[in-house]
Amino acid sequence: GRRFVYQTVDGDGEIVARLTAASGEQQVGLMIADDEGTMTDFVMVEPTGRVLTSSNKNFKPHGQAIVQVSPGAKTLPLWLRIKRTGFVFTVYKSTLTAPAGEGDWTILANVDMY
C-alpha cells in the first residue's frame, strides 16, 4: 500500500521534496489533497513528470484521476514542488542540486481545480 506523510495547510502554500531514490515501480511523489480521508480532489506529481489530478471540474466521475502530463523517464535525484495560489495548482520539477529561485524550476502543469 501507499504511505503518506502529511501536513495540514489552509489557503495558499506549497510543498517541496527532494527524491533521491525509488526502487522498481514504487509509487512516490508529491500530492496535495483536499481531504486526506477521501483523496477525491488532488494534484499529484511523480518523478517521471507524470501529473495526475481529480476534482469536481473533471469530466470523469468524481475521484477518478486524469493524466494532465504523460510520464517520461524517471531521473533521480530530483526536486518536486506543488504550489497553490487560490484555486490554481502549479506543478514543478528541478534537477539542480539546490534550486534557489523561480528560474531554477520547470513548470510541468497549471491546474485550475475548482
C-alpha atoms as a PDB file:
ATOM      1  CA  GLY A   1       0.000   0.000   0.000  1.00  0.00           C
ATOM      2  CA  ARG A   2       0.833   3.650  -0.042  1.00  0.00           C
ATOM      3  CA  ARG A   3       2.236   5.579   2.867  1.00  0.00           C
ATOM      4  CA  PHE A   4       1.865   9.304   3.272  1.00  0.00           C
ATOM      5  CA  VAL A   5       3.459  11.959   5.380  1.00  0.00           C
ATOM      6  CA  TYR A   6       1.128  14.920   5.549  1.00  0.00           C
ATOM      7  CA  GLN A   7       0.721  18.372   6.995  1.00  0.00           C
ATOM      8  CA  THR A   8      -2.440  20.456   7.040  1.00  0.00           C
ATOM      9  CA  VAL A   9      -2.235  23.705   5.075  1.00  0.00           C
ATOM     10  CA  ASP A  10      -5.044  26.254   4.862  1.00  0.00           C
ATOM     11  CA  GLY A  11      -5.137  28.579   1.849  1.00  0.00           C
ATOM     12  CA  ASP A  12      -2.161  29.284  -0.382  1.00  0.00           C
ATOM     13  CA  GLY A  13       1.073  27.396   0.118  1.00  0.00           C
ATOM     14  CA  GLU A  14       3.483  24.905  -1.373  1.00  0.00           C
ATOM     15  CA  ILE A  15       5.189  21.619  -0.714  1.00  0.00           C
ATOM     16  CA  VAL A  16       8.688  20.757  -1.893  1.00  0.00           C
ATOM     17  CA  ALA A  17      10.576  17.469  -1.675  1.00  0.00           C
ATOM     18  CA  ARG A  18      13.857  16.087  -2.948  1.00  0.00           C
ATOM     19  CA  LEU A  19      13.634  12.498  -4.141  1.00  0.00           C
ATOM     20  CA  THR A  20      16.945  10.661  -4.176  1.00  0.00           C
ATOM     21  CA  ALA A  21      15.939   7.037  -4.798  1.00  0.00           C
ATOM     22  CA  ALA A  22      12.975   4.868  -5.754  1.00  0.00           C
ATOM     23  CA  SER A  23      13.319   1.152  -6.386  1.00  0.00           C
ATOM     24  CA  GLY A  24      11.415  -0.672  -9.070  1.00  0.00           C
ATOM     25  CA  GLU A  25       7.904   0.557  -9.654  1.00  0.00           C
ATOM     26  CA  GLN A  26       7.302   2.106  -6.238  1.00  0.00           C
ATOM     27  CA  GLN A  27       4.841   4.958  -6.470  1.00  0.00           C
ATOM     28  CA  VAL A  28       6.495   8.009  -4.986  1.00  0.00           C
ATOM     29  CA  GLY A  29       5.977  11.706  -5.460  1.00  0.00           C
ATOM     30  CA  LEU A  30       4.114  14.700  -4.066  1.00  0.00           C
ATOM     31  CA  MET A  31       0.379  15.131  -3.586  1.00  0.00           C
ATOM     32  CA  ILE A  32      -1.904  17.880  -2.369  1.00  0.00           C
ATOM     33  CA  ALA A  33      -5.335  16.558  -1.447  1.00  0.00           C
ATOM     34  CA  ASP A  34      -8.469  18.394  -0.338  1.00  0.00           C
ATOM     35  CA  ASP A  35      -9.201  15.689   2.237  1.00  0.00           C
ATOM     36  CA  GLU A  36      -6.637  13.040   3.169  1.00  0.00           C
ATOM     37  CA  GLY A  37      -9.502  10.741   4.159  1.00  0.00           C
ATOM     38  CA  THR A  38     -11.245  10.552   0.780  1.00  0.00           C
ATOM     39  CA  MET A  39      -8.492  11.670  -1.650  1.00  0.00           C
ATOM     40  CA  THR A  40     -11.139  12.618  -4.234  1.00  0.00           C
ATOM     41  CA  ASP A  41      -9.760  16.108  -5.009  1.00  0.00           C
ATOM     42  CA  PHE A  42      -5.999  16.055  -5.524  1.00  0.00           C
ATOM     43  CA  VAL A  43      -2.976  17.053  -7.580  1.00  0.00           C
ATOM     44  CA  MET A  44      -0.098  14.566  -7.717  1.00  0.00           C
ATOM     45  CA  VAL A  45       3.301  14.555  -9.439  1.00  0.00           C
ATOM     46  CA  GLU A  46       5.629  11.575  -9.832  1.00  0.00           C
ATOM     47  CA  PRO A  47       9.396  11.574 -10.520  1.00  0.00           C
ATOM     48  CA  THR A  48       8.644  10.639 -14.148  1.00  0.00           C
ATOM     49  CA  GLY A  49       6.979  14.042 -14.511  1.00  0.00           C
ATOM     50  CA  ARG A  50       3.508  12.493 -14.757  1.00  0.00           C
ATOM     51  CA  VAL A  51       0.897  14.811 -13.251  1.00  0.00           C
ATOM     52  CA  LEU A  52      -2.456  13.359 -12.097  1.00  0.00           C
ATOM     53  CA  THR A  53      -5.498  15.299 -10.908  1.00  0.00           C
ATOM     54  CA  SER A  54      -9.018  14.655  -9.717  1.00  0.00           C
ATOM     55  CA  SER A  55     -11.572  17.353  -8.955  1.00  0.00           C
ATOM     56  CA  ASN A  56     -15.157  18.484  -9.394  1.00  0.00           C
ATOM     57  CA  LYS A  57     -14.090  20.107 -12.701  1.00  0.00           C
ATOM     58  CA  ASN A  58     -13.112  16.751 -14.269  1.00  0.00           C
ATOM     59  CA  PHE A  59     -15.418  15.301 -16.871  1.00  0.00           C
ATOM     60  CA  LYS A  60     -14.796  11.869 -15.334  1.00  0.00           C
ATOM     61  CA  PRO A  61     -16.529  10.512 -12.224  1.00  0.00           C
ATOM     62  CA  HIS A  62     -15.503  12.391  -9.084  1.00  0.00           C
ATOM     63  CA  GLY A  63     -12.424  10.782  -7.583  1.00  0.00           C
ATOM     64  CA  GLN A  64     -11.197   9.245 -10.847  1.00  0.00           C
ATOM     65  CA  ALA A  65      -7.770  10.587 -11.756  1.00  0.00           C
ATOM     66  CA  ILE A  66      -6.972  12.123 -15.117  1.00  0.00           C
ATOM     67  CA  VAL A  67      -3.457  12.470 -16.526  1.00  0.00           C
ATOM     68  CA  GLN A  68      -2.516  16.113 -17.088  1.00  0.00           C
ATOM     69  CA  VAL A  69       1.071  15.345 -18.184  1.00  0.00           C
ATOM     70  CA  SER A  70       2.237  11.958 -19.510  1.00  0.00           C
ATOM     71  CA  PRO A  71       5.209  10.256 -17.865  1.00  0.00           C
ATOM     72  CA  GLY A  72       8.752  10.491 -19.141  1.00  0.00           C
ATOM     73  CA  ALA A  73      11.925   8.870 -17.859  1.00  0.00           C
ATOM     74  CA  LYS A  74      12.433   8.659 -14.099  1.00  0.00           C
ATOM     75  CA  THR A  75      15.547  10.723 -13.327  1.00  0.00           C
ATOM     76  CA  LEU A  76      16.803  10.890  -9.747  1.00  0.00           C
ATOM     77  CA  PRO A  77      17.830  12.803  -7.720  1.00  0.00           C
ATOM     78  CA  LEU A  78      15.074  15.293  -8.433  1.00  0.00           C
ATOM     79  CA  TRP A  79      13.177  18.092  -6.704  1.00  0.00           C
ATOM     80  CA  LEU A  80       9.370  18.199  -6.991  1.00  0.00           C
ATOM     81  CA  ARG A  81       7.141  21.108  -5.991  1.00  0.00           C
ATOM     82  CA  ILE A  82       3.410  21.846  -5.945  1.00  0.00           C
ATOM     83  CA  LYS A  83       2.326  25.425  -5.300  1.00  0.00           C
ATOM     84  CA  ARG A  84      -1.248  26.527  -4.600  1.00  0.00           C
ATOM     85  CA  THR A  85      -2.380  30.076  -5.366  1.00  0.00           C
ATOM     86  CA  GLY A  86      -6.136  30.403  -4.976  1.00  0.00           C
ATOM     87  CA  PHE A  87      -7.663  27.518  -6.927  1.00  0.00           C
ATOM     88  CA  VAL A  88      -4.667  27.132  -9.252  1.00  0.00           C
ATOM     89  CA  PHE A  89      -2.062  24.465  -8.543  1.00  0.00           C
ATOM     90  CA  THR A  90       1.280  24.758 -10.333  1.00  0.00           C
ATOM     91  CA  VAL A  91       3.463  21.654 -10.544  1.00  0.00           C
ATOM     92  CA  TYR A  92       7.234  21.969 -10.958  1.00  0.00           C
ATOM     93  CA  LYS A  93      10.399  19.880 -11.148  1.00  0.00           C
ATOM     94  CA  SER A  94      14.108  20.707 -10.896  1.00  0.00           C
ATOM     95  CA  THR A  95      17.192  18.575 -11.410  1.00  0.00           C
ATOM     96  CA  LEU A  96      19.514  21.163  -9.854  1.00  0.00           C
ATOM     97  CA  THR A  97      21.286  20.306  -6.606  1.00  0.00           C
ATOM     98  CA  ALA A  98      19.767  23.269  -4.762  1.00  0.00           C
ATOM     99  CA  PRO A  99      17.142  25.268  -6.704  1.00  0.00           C
ATOM    100  CA  ALA A 100      17.201  28.791  -5.293  1.00  0.00           C
ATOM    101  CA  GLY A 101      14.887  30.910  -7.448  1.00  0.00           C
ATOM    102  CA  GLU A 102      11.811  30.601  -9.661  1.00  0.00           C
ATOM    103  CA  GLY A 103      14.054  30.324 -12.745  1.00  0.00           C
ATOM    104  CA  ASP A 104      15.535  27.073 -11.385  1.00  0.00           C
ATOM    105  CA  TRP A 105      12.182  25.252 -11.733  1.00  0.00           C
ATOM    106  CA  THR A 106      10.496  23.798 -14.818  1.00  0.00           C
ATOM    107  CA  ILE A 107       6.696  24.109 -14.832  1.00  0.00           C
ATOM    108  CA  LEU A 108       5.032  20.794 -15.655  1.00  0.00           C
ATOM    109  CA  ALA A 109       1.379  21.868 -15.335  1.00  0.00           C
ATOM    110  CA  ASN A 110      -1.020  24.587 -14.170  1.00  0.00           C
ATOM    111  CA  VAL A 111      -4.311  23.161 -12.986  1.00  0.00           C
ATOM    112  CA  ASP A 112      -7.427  25.160 -12.016  1.00  0.00           C
ATOM    113  CA  MET A 113      -9.014  22.728  -9.566  1.00  0.00           C
ATOM    114  CA  TYR A 114     -12.339  24.383  -8.743  1.00  0.00           C
END
